[in-house]
Amino acid sequence: MTAQSIPAAARTLPTEALADDDPGYDEEIPRGLRRTNRWRGVAGLTLLAIGLGLLLEQPAALLAGVFGVAFAAYGQIGAAPTPELDVERTIDVDEPAVGDEVPVTVTVTNEGEDTLTDLRLVDGVPDGLAVADGAPRGATALRPGSAVELTYEVVATRGAHAFDSLVAITRDVTGATERVVEVDAPDRIICTPELPADPPSFPLRAQTTRYTGRTTAEEGGDGVEFHATREYRPGDPLSRIDWRRTARTRDLTTVEYRRERAASVMLVVDARKAAYASHEPHAETSVDRCVDAARTVAASLLADGHSVGLTAVSPRACWITPGHGLEHRLAITTTLAEHESFARRPPEESTNVYGAGREIRGRIASDTQVVVFSPLIDDGGAQLAHRFDAHGHLTTVVSPDPCVTDTVGQQTATISRALRITQARHGGLPTIDWQREERLERALLRSNRRWSA
């Protein structure tokens, strides 16, 4: 078992207990067993004590040397026991809400016939969950039939989090050798944030399909907002005749309203490796904020009667064709929460932005609008949005800001991102700059004021 395969919590144990490249590692020792080099140098000190005892004719020194030889010999021929463990993990809440602290109890029972005099345990806490209280590791001695518990709490975050195997490390009584084993204990926590029930309004650009909705078209027809008047035509509804004007001019006049139609919208989340930016280790990433924004925008557009689809620019494929209805809403909710495209850890492979954009354009209708969610921390996200718009898909950008300005490099990245936003706006792309520590609703309100000014 390599150090890379051991859960992160185990890496807080002494390095000698985990490193396969330890210079004292003996290739002839059976797999899973290794020397700790804890008593390295004992043999030399023992020989020194025996030599001094003989030279100075000191029985005490000679006796100490004899005991040292015996102890060193035991360390060479002894071996850490192989544990036979039963592991039961209890999770109080399997499907918590985001931010909930979830208690976890791990019960480890010694089902073997040997007493484990030095047993170290490390539970396989998923990388996406932070430990809020307690500790997922411990050290104890365990008699046959006895059990020990590890109790701790984790903070729930979006996604499906699978627990790794529990790692058990045993040592012999001298600590000279140790054995590392994994004990399977499959469990997981699923955290699926719902789409907001009362989302803020999201401003789409004027693009229409034949279905009724709330995106305005630059033509008259049925609706609620006044558009124009025209001469009466046979068959016009009496309710749309402007009777006041008719009484004044004695000419029948029909009122036309600005027609409202539904849009087909594809939400495109920039989930490339380069988009996983964060202002500090283990903090929320830009992709996390993009997913949060996509969830809010999807809820807003579905509530307005639009057809909404979802995809990701990522080596991990994800696709939901634009649609509407309760089942479609559930599919978007589940995908944003659990799909591997939006995992908390970035993909290992890079993504060809040009190829990904071309593939998406080839799968959506010509009149489909696009909303791109990207931190715009490199040219890839900006190019993606510009190409969608250049190919006739009215495009809006939502950009969570991951930047800080503590160092010169960070200041440079902040300026570069600001330039990309300015270029996008000058190129006709409405761009919502969502600042850190700011609610998305406020960012949308600022943008609405900017676009209506």
Protein backbone atom coordinates (compact mmCIF):
# COMPACT_ATOMS: atom_id res chain seq x y z
CA MET A 1 0.00 0.00 0.00
CA THR A 2 1.50 3.33 -1.03
CA ALA A 3 1.33 6.59 0.83
CA GLN A 4 -0.85 8.00 -1.94
CA SER A 5 -3.55 5.41 -1.30
CA ILE A 6 -3.79 6.21 2.40
CA PRO A 7 -6.58 8.65 3.36
CA ALA A 8 -5.56 12.24 3.99
CA ALA A 9 -6.17 11.95 7.72
CA ALA A 10 -3.52 9.25 7.93
CA ARG A 11 -0.85 11.61 6.71
CA THR A 12 -0.81 13.30 10.10
CA LEU A 13 0.80 10.17 11.58
CA PRO A 14 4.62 9.94 11.74
CA THR A 15 6.22 9.73 8.32
CA GLU A 16 8.00 6.52 9.25
CA ALA A 17 4.62 4.81 9.52
CA LEU A 18 3.62 5.66 5.99
CA ALA A 19 6.54 6.00 3.58
CA ASP A 20 7.30 3.06 1.32
CA ASP A 21 10.58 4.65 0.33
CA ASP A 22 11.87 4.51 3.91
CA PRO A 23 15.60 3.66 3.67
CA GLY A 24 15.04 0.89 6.19
CA TYR A 25 12.40 -0.85 4.10
CA ASP A 26 13.31 -4.51 3.58
CA GLU A 27 12.20 -5.99 0.27
CA GLU A 28 12.23 -9.49 1.84
CA ILE A 29 9.65 -8.60 4.47
CA PRO A 30 6.18 -9.92 3.53
CA ARG A 31 3.83 -7.44 1.84
CA GLY A 32 2.14 -5.10 4.29
CA LEU A 33 4.96 -5.44 6.81
CA ARG A 34 7.83 -3.01 7.16
CA ARG A 35 10.50 -1.95 9.60
CA THR A 36 10.11 1.38 11.33
CA ASN A 37 13.83 1.84 12.09
CA ARG A 38 12.69 2.89 15.53
CA TRP A 39 15.67 1.13 17.14
CA ARG A 40 18.22 2.01 14.50
CA GLY A 41 21.57 2.41 16.23
CA VAL A 42 20.71 0.08 19.11
CA ALA A 43 23.08 -2.59 17.80
CA GLY A 44 25.97 -0.12 17.65
CA LEU A 45 25.31 1.16 21.16
CA THR A 46 25.04 -2.43 22.39
CA LEU A 47 28.42 -3.38 20.96
CA LEU A 48 29.89 -0.22 22.44
CA ALA A 49 28.48 -1.12 25.88
CA ILE A 50 29.88 -4.67 25.67
CA GLY A 51 33.29 -3.36 24.57
CA LEU A 52 33.41 -0.84 27.42
CA GLY A 53 32.27 -3.50 29.90
CA LEU A 54 35.07 -5.84 28.85
CA LEU A 55 37.67 -3.08 28.69
CA LEU A 56 36.80 -1.49 32.00
CA GLU A 57 35.74 -4.77 33.60
CA GLN A 58 32.33 -3.27 34.44
CA PRO A 59 29.66 -6.00 34.86
CA ALA A 60 26.82 -3.46 34.70
CA ALA A 61 27.86 -2.21 31.26
CA LEU A 62 28.36 -5.77 30.06
CA LEU A 63 24.90 -6.75 31.31
CA ALA A 64 23.31 -3.75 29.59
CA GLY A 65 24.99 -4.79 26.37
CA VAL A 66 23.63 -8.32 26.66
CA PHE A 67 20.09 -6.98 27.16
CA GLY A 68 20.60 -4.68 24.16
CA VAL A 69 21.65 -7.63 21.98
CA ALA A 70 18.57 -9.55 23.03
CA PHE A 71 16.29 -6.57 22.36
CA ALA A 72 17.81 -5.88 18.95
CA ALA A 73 17.54 -9.55 18.02
CA TYR A 74 13.86 -9.60 18.98
CA GLY A 75 13.27 -6.60 16.75
CA GLN A 76 14.81 -8.49 13.84
CA ILE A 77 12.89 -11.72 14.23
CA GLY A 78 9.60 -10.32 15.57
CA ALA A 79 6.76 -9.13 13.37
CA ALA A 80 3.72 -6.90 13.84
CA PRO A 81 0.51 -8.95 14.08
CA THR A 82 -1.96 -9.13 11.22
CA PRO A 83 -5.19 -7.55 12.51
CA GLU A 84 -8.58 -9.18 11.94
CA LEU A 85 -10.95 -6.26 12.32
CA ASP A 86 -14.64 -5.66 11.81
CA VAL A 87 -15.54 -2.04 11.02
CA GLU A 88 -19.01 -0.53 11.30
CA ARG A 89 -19.53 3.12 10.43
CA THR A 90 -22.71 4.89 11.57
CA ILE A 91 -23.71 8.16 9.89
CA ASP A 92 -26.52 9.98 11.68
CA VAL A 93 -27.82 11.79 8.55
CA ASP A 94 -27.26 10.25 5.11
CA GLU A 95 -28.64 13.20 3.12
CA PRO A 96 -27.93 16.41 5.05
CA ALA A 97 -28.29 20.00 3.94
CA VAL A 98 -25.28 22.07 2.96
CA GLY A 99 -23.46 23.27 6.08
CA ASP A 100 -24.95 20.69 8.44
CA GLU A 101 -22.57 19.06 10.89
CA VAL A 102 -23.02 15.31 10.52
CA PRO A 103 -21.97 12.99 13.41
CA VAL A 104 -20.01 9.90 12.36
CA THR A 105 -19.23 6.96 14.63
CA VAL A 106 -16.78 4.22 13.62
CA THR A 107 -16.78 1.04 15.70
CA VAL A 108 -13.72 -1.20 15.27
CA THR A 109 -13.82 -4.71 16.78
CA ASN A 110 -10.85 -7.07 17.15
CA GLU A 111 -12.15 -10.39 15.82
CA GLY A 112 -8.77 -12.10 15.89
CA GLU A 113 -7.18 -14.22 18.61
CA ASP A 114 -4.22 -11.91 19.27
CA THR A 115 -4.09 -8.82 21.44
CA LEU A 116 -3.15 -5.79 19.37
CA THR A 117 -0.79 -3.99 21.72
CA ASP A 118 -0.23 -1.00 19.44
CA LEU A 119 -3.12 -0.29 17.03
CA ARG A 120 -3.48 2.95 15.10
CA LEU A 121 -6.68 3.69 13.17
CA VAL A 122 -7.45 6.29 10.51
CA ASP A 123 -10.92 6.55 8.98
CA GLY A 124 -11.23 7.32 5.27
CA VAL A 125 -12.94 10.71 5.42
CA PRO A 126 -13.84 11.91 1.89
CA ASP A 127 -11.69 14.74 0.59
CA GLY A 128 -14.72 17.01 0.11
CA LEU A 129 -15.76 16.89 3.79
CA ALA A 130 -14.02 18.87 6.53
CA VAL A 131 -13.88 17.53 10.08
CA ALA A 132 -15.57 20.04 12.39
CA ASP A 133 -15.26 18.23 15.71
CA GLY A 134 -13.60 15.12 17.11
CA ALA A 135 -10.93 13.13 15.29
CA PRO A 136 -11.19 10.42 12.59
CA ARG A 137 -8.08 8.69 13.96
CA GLY A 138 -6.88 7.16 17.20
CA ALA A 139 -4.37 4.83 18.87
CA THR A 140 -5.16 2.06 21.36
CA ALA A 141 -4.49 -1.50 22.51
CA LEU A 142 -7.26 -3.96 21.69
CA ARG A 143 -7.89 -7.40 23.20
CA PRO A 144 -9.69 -10.13 21.25
CA GLY A 145 -13.42 -9.41 21.15
CA SER A 146 -12.96 -5.83 22.35
CA ALA A 147 -14.05 -2.76 20.40
CA VAL A 148 -13.08 0.89 20.18
CA GLU A 149 -15.00 3.86 18.76
CA LEU A 150 -13.91 6.87 16.76
CA THR A 151 -16.40 9.75 16.86
CA TYR A 152 -16.25 12.94 14.88
CA GLU A 153 -18.40 15.37 12.89
CA VAL A 154 -18.04 16.48 9.28
CA VAL A 155 -19.47 19.54 7.56
CA ALA A 156 -21.75 18.60 4.66
CA THR A 157 -20.96 20.07 1.26
CA ARG A 158 -22.57 19.66 -2.15
CA GLY A 159 -22.08 16.30 -3.81
CA ALA A 160 -21.95 12.55 -3.23
CA HIS A 161 -19.07 11.80 -0.87
CA ALA A 162 -17.88 8.18 -0.63
CA PHE A 163 -15.82 7.15 2.38
CA ASP A 164 -12.51 5.40 1.78
CA SER A 165 -11.43 2.26 3.58
CA LEU A 166 -10.33 2.50 7.18
CA VAL A 167 -6.55 2.23 7.54
CA ALA A 168 -5.22 0.12 10.44
CA ILE A 169 -1.55 0.12 11.46
CA THR A 170 -0.28 -2.44 13.99
CA ARG A 171 3.16 -2.63 15.62
CA ASP A 172 4.92 -5.29 17.62
CA VAL A 173 5.69 -4.72 21.30
CA THR A 174 9.08 -3.18 20.47
CA GLY A 175 7.78 -0.93 17.73
CA ALA A 176 10.44 -2.27 15.37
CA THR A 177 7.98 -3.46 12.71
CA GLU A 178 4.54 -2.39 11.62
CA ARG A 179 1.83 -3.72 9.36
CA VAL A 180 -0.52 -1.53 7.32
CA VAL A 181 -3.89 -2.90 6.18
CA GLU A 182 -7.08 -1.47 4.75
CA VAL A 183 -10.52 -2.52 5.96
CA ASP A 184 -13.42 -1.87 3.60
CA ALA A 185 -16.35 0.02 5.10
CA PRO A 186 -18.36 1.45 2.18
CA ASP A 187 -20.55 4.42 3.12
CA ARG A 188 -21.38 7.77 1.63
CA ILE A 189 -23.02 11.08 2.35
CA ILE A 190 -25.16 12.69 -0.35
CA CYS A 191 -25.83 16.41 -0.13
CA THR A 192 -28.21 17.66 -2.83
CA PRO A 193 -29.07 21.37 -2.57
CA GLU A 194 -32.52 22.12 -3.98
CA LEU A 195 -33.12 24.77 -6.60
CA PRO A 196 -34.21 28.01 -4.85
CA ALA A 197 -37.97 28.24 -4.37
CA ASP A 198 -38.03 32.03 -4.85
CA PRO A 199 -35.06 32.89 -7.08
CA PRO A 200 -34.22 36.42 -8.24
CA SER A 201 -35.11 37.38 -11.78
CA PHE A 202 -32.43 36.62 -14.35
CA PRO A 203 -32.29 38.97 -17.37
CA LEU A 204 -32.30 37.08 -20.66
CA ARG A 205 -31.67 38.77 -23.96
CA ALA A 206 -34.52 39.25 -26.46
CA GLN A 207 -34.74 35.89 -28.24
CA THR A 208 -37.92 33.90 -28.81
CA THR A 209 -39.47 30.56 -29.63
CA ARG A 210 -43.10 29.71 -30.20
CA TYR A 211 -43.83 28.85 -26.57
CA THR A 212 -45.33 31.38 -24.17
CA GLY A 213 -42.99 32.73 -21.53
CA ARG A 214 -41.53 35.98 -20.18
CA THR A 215 -38.87 36.93 -22.72
CA THR A 216 -40.12 39.88 -24.74
CA ALA A 217 -40.08 39.98 -28.53
CA GLU A 218 -39.82 43.10 -30.65
CA GLU A 219 -43.22 42.49 -32.26
CA GLY A 220 -46.85 43.00 -31.34
CA GLY A 221 -49.34 40.40 -30.23
CA ASP A 222 -50.79 38.97 -27.05
CA GLY A 223 -49.15 40.05 -23.82
CA VAL A 224 -49.41 42.55 -21.01
CA GLU A 225 -47.02 45.38 -21.96
CA PHE A 226 -48.26 48.01 -24.45
CA HIS A 227 -46.49 47.85 -27.82
CA ALA A 228 -48.44 49.89 -30.44
CA THR A 229 -51.84 50.55 -32.02
CA ARG A 230 -53.04 49.77 -35.52
CA GLU A 231 -56.18 49.86 -37.61
CA TYR A 232 -58.91 47.41 -36.68
CA ARG A 233 -58.99 44.19 -38.69
CA PRO A 234 -62.00 41.89 -38.91
CA GLY A 235 -61.61 39.15 -36.33
CA ASP A 236 -59.68 41.24 -33.77
CA PRO A 237 -60.95 40.53 -30.23
CA LEU A 238 -63.29 43.20 -28.90
CA SER A 239 -61.23 43.30 -25.70
CA ARG A 240 -58.28 44.70 -27.67
CA ILE A 241 -60.19 47.59 -29.27
CA ASP A 242 -59.16 51.01 -27.92
CA TRP A 243 -62.69 52.22 -27.19
CA ARG A 244 -61.57 55.61 -25.85
CA ARG A 245 -59.76 56.42 -29.04
CA THR A 246 -62.64 55.08 -31.11
CA ALA A 247 -65.04 57.38 -29.23
CA ARG A 248 -62.75 60.32 -29.88
CA THR A 249 -61.88 59.67 -33.54
CA ARG A 250 -64.79 57.38 -34.53
CA ASP A 251 -62.19 55.01 -36.06
CA LEU A 252 -61.82 51.46 -34.74
CA THR A 253 -58.27 50.97 -33.38
CA THR A 254 -56.73 47.74 -32.09
CA VAL A 255 -54.17 47.72 -29.28
CA GLU A 256 -51.14 45.47 -29.63
CA TYR A 257 -49.06 44.36 -26.67
CA ARG A 258 -45.43 43.35 -26.57
CA ARG A 259 -45.49 39.62 -27.14
CA GLU A 260 -43.85 37.41 -24.52
CA ARG A 261 -42.37 34.10 -25.54
CA ALA A 262 -40.26 31.44 -23.89
CA ALA A 263 -36.58 31.05 -24.61
CA SER A 264 -34.50 27.92 -24.96
CA VAL A 265 -31.44 28.36 -22.76
CA MET A 266 -28.31 26.23 -22.32
CA LEU A 267 -26.37 26.72 -19.08
CA VAL A 268 -22.67 26.09 -19.70
CA VAL A 269 -20.48 25.67 -16.60
CA ASP A 270 -16.74 26.16 -17.05
CA ALA A 271 -15.46 23.16 -15.07
CA ARG A 272 -12.03 22.88 -16.66
CA LYS A 273 -9.01 22.14 -14.51
CA ALA A 274 -7.93 25.79 -14.91
CA ALA A 275 -11.26 27.04 -13.52
CA TYR A 276 -10.75 25.47 -10.09
CA ALA A 277 -9.42 28.62 -8.46
CA SER A 278 -9.60 29.42 -4.75
CA HIS A 279 -8.19 32.20 -2.59
CA GLU A 280 -6.95 29.69 -0.01
CA PRO A 281 -6.42 25.90 0.25
CA HIS A 282 -9.50 23.76 0.93
CA ALA A 283 -11.80 26.77 0.48
CA GLU A 284 -14.75 27.03 -1.91
CA THR A 285 -13.55 27.04 -5.52
CA SER A 286 -14.71 29.05 -8.50
CA VAL A 287 -16.42 25.95 -9.89
CA ASP A 288 -18.40 25.60 -6.64
CA ARG A 289 -19.63 29.17 -7.06
CA CYS A 290 -20.38 28.59 -10.76
CA VAL A 291 -22.54 25.62 -9.77
CA ASP A 292 -24.33 27.71 -7.12
CA ALA A 293 -25.00 30.42 -9.71
CA ALA A 294 -26.22 27.86 -12.28
CA ARG A 295 -28.63 26.47 -9.68
CA THR A 296 -30.13 29.92 -9.04
CA VAL A 297 -30.33 30.85 -12.73
CA ALA A 298 -31.92 27.51 -13.62
CA ALA A 299 -34.59 28.02 -10.94
CA SER A 300 -35.30 31.54 -12.19
CA LEU A 301 -35.59 30.56 -15.86
CA LEU A 302 -37.73 27.49 -15.17
CA ALA A 303 -40.05 29.59 -13.01
CA ASP A 304 -40.46 31.99 -15.94
CA GLY A 305 -41.48 29.15 -18.25
CA HIS A 306 -38.28 28.83 -20.25
CA SER A 307 -36.69 25.60 -21.46
CA VAL A 308 -33.38 25.08 -19.66
CA GLY A 309 -30.49 22.73 -20.45
CA LEU A 310 -27.20 22.06 -18.71
CA THR A 311 -23.70 21.06 -19.74
CA ALA A 312 -20.11 21.44 -18.56
CA VAL A 313 -16.85 22.28 -20.28
CA SER A 314 -14.91 19.44 -18.74
CA PRO A 315 -13.28 16.12 -19.68
CA ARG A 316 -16.07 14.54 -17.61
CA ALA A 317 -19.07 14.63 -19.94
CA CYS A 318 -22.41 16.08 -18.80
CA TRP A 319 -25.47 16.91 -20.90
CA ILE A 320 -29.13 17.77 -20.27
CA THR A 321 -31.13 18.89 -23.30
CA PRO A 322 -33.22 22.07 -22.75
CA GLY A 323 -36.62 21.25 -21.31
CA HIS A 324 -39.02 22.07 -18.51
CA GLY A 325 -41.34 20.43 -16.00
CA LEU A 326 -40.92 18.84 -12.58
CA GLU A 327 -38.90 15.84 -13.77
CA HIS A 328 -36.58 18.13 -15.72
CA ARG A 329 -36.13 20.36 -12.67
CA LEU A 330 -35.22 17.30 -10.59
CA ALA A 331 -32.70 16.15 -13.22
CA ILE A 332 -30.94 19.53 -13.14
CA THR A 333 -30.96 19.56 -9.33
CA THR A 334 -29.43 16.10 -9.08
CA THR A 335 -26.86 16.68 -11.82
CA LEU A 336 -25.58 19.93 -10.32
CA ALA A 337 -25.23 18.24 -6.93
CA GLU A 338 -23.80 14.84 -7.80
CA HIS A 339 -22.38 14.68 -11.32
CA GLU A 340 -18.63 14.14 -11.56
CA SER A 341 -18.30 17.12 -13.91
CA PHE A 342 -18.94 19.37 -10.92
CA ALA A 343 -16.89 17.41 -8.36
CA ARG A 344 -15.07 19.28 -5.61
CA ARG A 345 -11.73 18.07 -6.96
CA PRO A 346 -10.53 19.25 -10.41
CA PRO A 347 -10.10 16.80 -13.28
CA GLU A 348 -6.59 15.59 -14.00
CA GLU A 349 -6.86 16.20 -17.75
CA SER A 350 -6.98 19.56 -19.51
CA THR A 351 -9.88 20.52 -21.80
CA ASN A 352 -9.77 21.77 -25.38
CA VAL A 353 -12.02 24.83 -25.10
CA TYR A 354 -12.40 25.23 -28.85
CA GLY A 355 -13.44 21.60 -29.35
CA ALA A 356 -15.80 21.64 -26.36
CA GLY A 357 -17.54 24.79 -27.57
CA ARG A 358 -17.90 23.42 -31.09
CA GLU A 359 -19.45 20.21 -29.75
CA ILE A 360 -21.98 22.15 -27.66
CA ARG A 361 -22.93 24.39 -30.59
CA GLY A 362 -23.48 21.31 -32.71
CA ARG A 363 -26.02 19.91 -30.23
CA ILE A 364 -28.19 22.97 -29.53
CA ALA A 365 -30.75 24.71 -31.73
CA SER A 366 -29.74 27.83 -33.64
CA ASP A 367 -31.98 30.09 -31.53
CA THR A 368 -30.84 28.70 -28.16
CA GLN A 369 -29.44 31.29 -25.78
CA VAL A 370 -26.35 30.46 -23.75
CA VAL A 371 -25.40 31.44 -20.21
CA VAL A 372 -21.71 30.81 -19.52
CA PHE A 373 -20.58 30.44 -15.90
CA SER A 374 -16.84 31.06 -15.71
CA PRO A 375 -14.39 32.83 -13.36
CA LEU A 376 -12.66 34.28 -16.45
CA ILE A 377 -9.25 33.74 -14.85
CA ASP A 378 -7.78 32.73 -18.20
CA ASP A 379 -8.57 33.38 -21.84
CA GLY A 380 -10.34 30.03 -22.24
CA GLY A 381 -13.60 31.05 -20.53
CA ALA A 382 -13.74 34.38 -22.35
CA GLN A 383 -13.09 32.77 -25.74
CA LEU A 384 -15.81 30.23 -25.08
CA ALA A 385 -18.41 32.97 -24.49
CA HIS A 386 -17.31 35.09 -27.47
CA ARG A 387 -17.53 32.11 -29.85
CA PHE A 388 -21.04 31.23 -28.73
CA ASP A 389 -22.15 34.80 -29.40
CA ALA A 390 -20.29 34.98 -32.70
CA HIS A 391 -22.16 31.89 -33.94
CA GLY A 392 -25.55 33.51 -33.30
CA HIS A 393 -26.31 32.29 -29.78
CA LEU A 394 -27.17 35.29 -27.63
CA THR A 395 -24.81 34.84 -24.70
CA THR A 396 -24.71 36.11 -21.13
CA VAL A 397 -21.76 35.56 -18.77
CA VAL A 398 -21.92 35.02 -15.01
CA SER A 399 -18.44 35.30 -13.54
CA PRO A 400 -17.69 34.60 -9.84
CA ASP A 401 -14.59 36.51 -8.76
CA PRO A 402 -11.96 34.27 -7.10
CA CYS A 403 -9.21 36.90 -7.01
CA VAL A 404 -7.36 38.38 -4.07
CA THR A 405 -4.65 41.02 -4.15
CA ASP A 406 -2.20 39.94 -1.45
CA THR A 407 0.75 39.44 -3.81
CA VAL A 408 2.00 41.01 -7.03
CA GLY A 409 1.02 37.86 -8.96
CA GLN A 410 -2.50 37.96 -7.54
CA GLN A 411 -2.82 41.66 -8.38
CA THR A 412 -1.78 40.89 -11.96
CA ALA A 413 -4.38 38.11 -12.20
CA THR A 414 -7.04 40.50 -10.86
CA ILE A 415 -6.20 43.12 -13.48
CA SER A 416 -6.20 40.52 -16.28
CA ARG A 417 -9.63 39.28 -15.23
CA ALA A 418 -10.99 42.84 -15.10
CA LEU A 419 -9.72 43.44 -18.65
CA ARG A 420 -11.49 40.29 -19.88
CA ILE A 421 -14.76 41.48 -18.35
CA THR A 422 -14.35 44.92 -19.94
CA GLN A 423 -13.62 43.38 -23.34
CA ALA A 424 -16.64 41.10 -23.05
CA ARG A 425 -18.94 44.03 -22.25
CA HIS A 426 -17.51 46.14 -25.05
CA GLY A 427 -18.08 43.17 -27.36
CA GLY A 428 -21.78 43.19 -26.50
CA LEU A 429 -21.76 40.35 -23.96
CA PRO A 430 -23.72 41.15 -20.80
CA THR A 431 -21.35 40.05 -18.01
CA ILE A 432 -22.30 39.71 -14.35
CA ASP A 433 -19.24 40.21 -12.14
CA TRP A 434 -20.12 38.36 -8.93
CA GLN A 435 -17.78 39.54 -6.20
CA ARG A 436 -16.58 37.45 -3.28
CA GLU A 437 -18.62 37.87 -0.09
CA GLU A 438 -21.52 39.17 -2.23
CA ARG A 439 -24.91 37.54 -2.65
CA LEU A 440 -25.73 36.59 -6.22
CA GLU A 441 -29.05 38.45 -5.94
CA ARG A 442 -27.17 41.70 -5.38
CA ALA A 443 -24.88 41.06 -8.34
CA LEU A 444 -27.91 40.44 -10.56
CA LEU A 445 -29.54 43.64 -9.32
CA ARG A 446 -26.40 45.65 -10.11
CA SER A 447 -26.27 44.17 -13.59
CA ASN A 448 -29.95 44.86 -14.26
CA ARG A 449 -29.38 48.50 -13.37
CA ARG A 450 -26.31 48.65 -15.62
CA TRP A 451 -28.15 47.17 -18.61
CA SER A 452 -31.28 49.28 -18.17
CA ALA A 453 -29.33 52.56 -17.73
